[in-house]
Amino acid sequence: MNWLHHILQRIRDLLLSFIILLYILFEDFIWKKAVNPLIKYLSAFHIYQRFLEYVHLRARRSTIFILFIIPFVIGEAIGILSGILAAKLYVVGAAFLYLCKVPLVVMALAILNSGKEKLLSYWWFALIYTWIMDKLDKLHHTIIYIKTVSLISHIRIEIGKLLMDLKKN
């Protein structure tokens, strides 16, 4: 019976490693590579800055919540549809849908960041937000996450060396 427990634990660890790898890849490749440049691009627009200023300084919390929840829910629905398409191996359609999600989530996150103080004044929003941030913090401190990030970093370095060697030749 001990061997069965050991096998089940290994399967669980492999599944968790795979999920964490997907999370890291999405976080690293999509969000850091696509979202940050998009945020910098949008920040250059005066109307975008004025909108976030309005959210931060003058908007009521109910308005901020509505402005936040609409792009967030639509973006998450698109993400779910994208995942379904990817599971059915419609990779191009899934990638296109996921790219459509990015501007919506960027807007939702900008509204969240600008109006966070007012949104957190809803006790239930504060509870959910704190719970999510706590879970992400715990994830970032797990051994599997740390090892996976280290492995990806090592692979990147090796690929970079390989590409430099190929450029030299």
Protein backbone atom coordinates (compact mmCIF):
# COMPACT_ATOMS: atom_id res chain seq x y z
CA MET A 1 0.00 0.00 0.00
CA ASN A 2 2.95 2.31 0.62
CA TRP A 3 4.02 1.96 -3.02
CA LEU A 4 0.54 3.05 -4.19
CA HIS A 5 0.73 6.16 -1.99
CA HIS A 6 4.19 6.89 -3.43
CA ILE A 7 2.93 6.54 -7.03
CA LEU A 8 -0.09 8.76 -6.36
CA GLN A 9 2.15 11.37 -4.77
CA ARG A 10 4.46 11.31 -7.82
CA ILE A 11 1.50 11.71 -10.18
CA ARG A 12 0.25 14.63 -8.10
CA ASP A 13 3.70 16.24 -8.13
CA LEU A 14 3.94 15.83 -11.91
CA LEU A 15 0.50 17.34 -12.40
CA LEU A 16 1.33 20.26 -10.10
CA SER A 17 4.65 20.76 -11.89
CA PHE A 18 2.85 20.87 -15.24
CA ILE A 19 0.27 23.38 -13.99
CA ILE A 20 2.97 25.55 -12.44
CA LEU A 21 5.00 25.36 -15.65
CA LEU A 22 1.97 26.56 -17.63
CA TYR A 23 1.42 29.37 -15.12
CA ILE A 24 5.06 30.45 -15.35
CA LEU A 25 5.04 30.33 -19.14
CA PHE A 26 1.86 32.38 -19.35
CA GLU A 27 3.10 34.82 -16.73
CA ASP A 28 6.56 35.15 -18.21
CA PHE A 29 6.01 34.95 -21.94
CA ILE A 30 2.55 36.42 -22.39
CA TRP A 31 2.07 38.86 -19.54
CA LYS A 32 5.60 40.19 -19.21
CA LYS A 33 6.28 40.23 -22.95
CA ALA A 34 2.86 41.41 -24.18
CA VAL A 35 1.18 43.24 -21.34
CA ASN A 36 4.01 45.44 -20.11
CA PRO A 37 4.68 46.93 -23.58
CA LEU A 38 0.93 47.42 -24.04
CA ILE A 39 0.69 49.25 -20.71
CA LYS A 40 3.62 51.49 -21.67
CA TYR A 41 1.99 52.16 -25.05
CA LEU A 42 -1.38 53.03 -23.52
CA SER A 43 0.25 55.19 -20.85
CA ALA A 44 1.41 57.56 -23.58
CA PHE A 45 -2.20 58.47 -24.43
CA HIS A 46 -3.55 61.48 -22.58
CA ILE A 47 -7.13 60.14 -22.58
CA TYR A 48 -5.97 56.90 -20.93
CA GLN A 49 -4.13 58.85 -18.23
CA ARG A 50 -7.17 61.07 -17.67
CA PHE A 51 -9.45 58.04 -17.42
CA LEU A 52 -7.25 56.41 -14.75
CA GLU A 53 -7.02 59.74 -12.95
CA TYR A 54 -10.83 59.90 -12.95
CA VAL A 55 -11.01 56.37 -11.57
CA HIS A 56 -8.52 57.16 -8.83
CA LEU A 57 -9.74 60.58 -7.75
CA ARG A 58 -13.39 61.12 -8.64
CA ALA A 59 -15.22 57.90 -9.48
CA ARG A 60 -17.51 56.30 -6.92
CA ARG A 61 -16.63 52.80 -5.84
CA SER A 62 -19.71 51.32 -7.55
CA THR A 63 -18.65 52.94 -10.83
CA ILE A 64 -15.11 51.64 -10.40
CA PHE A 65 -16.45 48.15 -9.71
CA ILE A 66 -18.59 48.18 -12.87
CA LEU A 67 -15.71 49.57 -14.95
CA PHE A 68 -13.45 46.84 -13.53
CA ILE A 69 -15.79 43.85 -13.66
CA ILE A 70 -17.00 44.23 -17.26
CA PRO A 71 -13.60 43.91 -19.01
CA PHE A 72 -12.45 41.40 -16.38
CA VAL A 73 -15.40 39.03 -16.90
CA ILE A 74 -15.29 39.35 -20.69
CA GLY A 75 -11.52 38.77 -20.65
CA GLU A 76 -11.81 35.72 -18.44
CA ALA A 77 -14.62 34.30 -20.60
CA ILE A 78 -12.41 34.76 -23.65
CA GLY A 79 -9.58 33.03 -21.77
CA ILE A 80 -11.81 30.05 -21.00
CA LEU A 81 -12.93 29.84 -24.63
CA SER A 82 -9.30 30.08 -25.68
CA GLY A 83 -8.42 27.19 -23.37
CA ILE A 84 -11.26 25.09 -24.78
CA LEU A 85 -10.05 25.78 -28.32
CA ALA A 86 -6.48 24.92 -27.33
CA ALA A 87 -7.67 21.65 -25.77
CA LYS A 88 -9.41 20.82 -29.06
CA LEU A 89 -6.11 21.61 -30.83
CA TYR A 90 -7.39 24.73 -32.59
CA VAL A 91 -4.14 26.45 -31.72
CA VAL A 92 -4.40 29.42 -34.09
CA GLY A 93 -7.94 30.24 -32.97
CA ALA A 94 -6.95 29.82 -29.33
CA ALA A 95 -3.95 32.12 -29.75
CA PHE A 96 -6.06 34.75 -31.54
CA LEU A 97 -8.73 34.65 -28.83
CA TYR A 98 -6.10 34.86 -26.11
CA LEU A 99 -4.58 37.91 -27.79
CA CYS A 100 -8.05 39.48 -27.77
CA LYS A 101 -8.15 38.92 -24.03
CA VAL A 102 -4.96 40.85 -23.32
CA PRO A 103 -6.26 44.43 -23.84
CA LEU A 104 -9.36 43.71 -21.77
CA VAL A 105 -7.38 42.35 -18.85
CA VAL A 106 -4.87 45.21 -19.13
CA MET A 107 -7.76 47.65 -18.82
CA ALA A 108 -9.25 45.71 -15.88
CA LEU A 109 -5.88 45.64 -14.09
CA ALA A 110 -5.33 49.36 -14.72
CA ILE A 111 -8.76 50.12 -13.25
CA LEU A 112 -8.04 47.79 -10.32
CA ASN A 113 -4.72 49.48 -9.62
CA SER A 114 -6.15 52.99 -9.93
CA GLY A 115 -9.26 52.29 -7.86
CA LYS A 116 -7.92 49.61 -5.54
CA GLU A 117 -8.45 51.61 -2.36
CA LYS A 118 -12.12 52.18 -3.16
CA LEU A 119 -12.68 48.61 -4.39
CA LEU A 120 -11.13 47.21 -1.22
CA SER A 121 -13.69 49.18 0.79
CA TYR A 122 -16.14 46.45 -0.21
CA TRP A 123 -15.54 43.84 2.50
CA TRP A 124 -16.24 40.92 0.14
CA PHE A 125 -13.92 42.33 -2.54
CA ALA A 126 -11.16 42.79 0.05
CA LEU A 127 -11.70 39.21 1.24
CA ILE A 128 -11.48 37.75 -2.29
CA TYR A 129 -8.55 39.97 -3.29
CA THR A 130 -6.60 39.10 -0.15
CA TRP A 131 -7.32 35.39 -0.61
CA ILE A 132 -6.10 35.44 -4.24
CA MET A 133 -2.95 37.41 -3.38
CA ASP A 134 -2.24 35.03 -0.49
CA LYS A 135 -2.57 31.98 -2.77
CA LEU A 136 -0.28 33.54 -5.38
CA ASP A 137 2.26 34.38 -2.69
CA LYS A 138 2.15 30.80 -1.40
CA LEU A 139 2.55 29.49 -4.95
CA HIS A 140 5.61 31.67 -5.52
CA HIS A 141 7.23 30.20 -2.41
CA THR A 142 6.62 26.49 -3.14
CA ILE A 143 9.60 24.30 -3.88
CA ILE A 144 8.06 23.14 -7.17
CA TYR A 145 7.59 26.74 -8.34
CA ILE A 146 11.11 27.79 -7.34
CA LYS A 147 12.66 24.72 -9.01
CA THR A 148 10.60 25.24 -12.17
CA VAL A 149 11.58 28.92 -12.43
CA SER A 150 15.22 27.93 -11.89
CA LEU A 151 15.01 25.24 -14.58
CA ILE A 152 13.38 27.61 -17.08
CA SER A 153 16.03 30.23 -16.33
CA HIS A 154 18.78 27.66 -16.88
CA ILE A 155 17.19 26.49 -20.15
CA ARG A 156 16.95 30.11 -21.33
CA ILE A 157 20.61 30.70 -20.61
CA GLU A 158 21.59 27.54 -22.47
CA ILE A 159 19.40 28.44 -25.46
CA GLY A 160 20.91 31.93 -25.45
CA LYS A 161 24.43 30.45 -25.50
CA LEU A 162 23.44 28.09 -28.29
CA LEU A 163 21.97 30.92 -30.36
CA MET A 164 25.09 33.04 -29.83
CA ASP A 165 27.24 30.12 -30.99
CA LEU A 166 25.03 29.68 -34.07
CA LYS A 167 25.32 33.41 -34.90
CA LYS A 168 29.11 33.22 -34.67
CA ASN A 169 29.23 30.36 -37.15
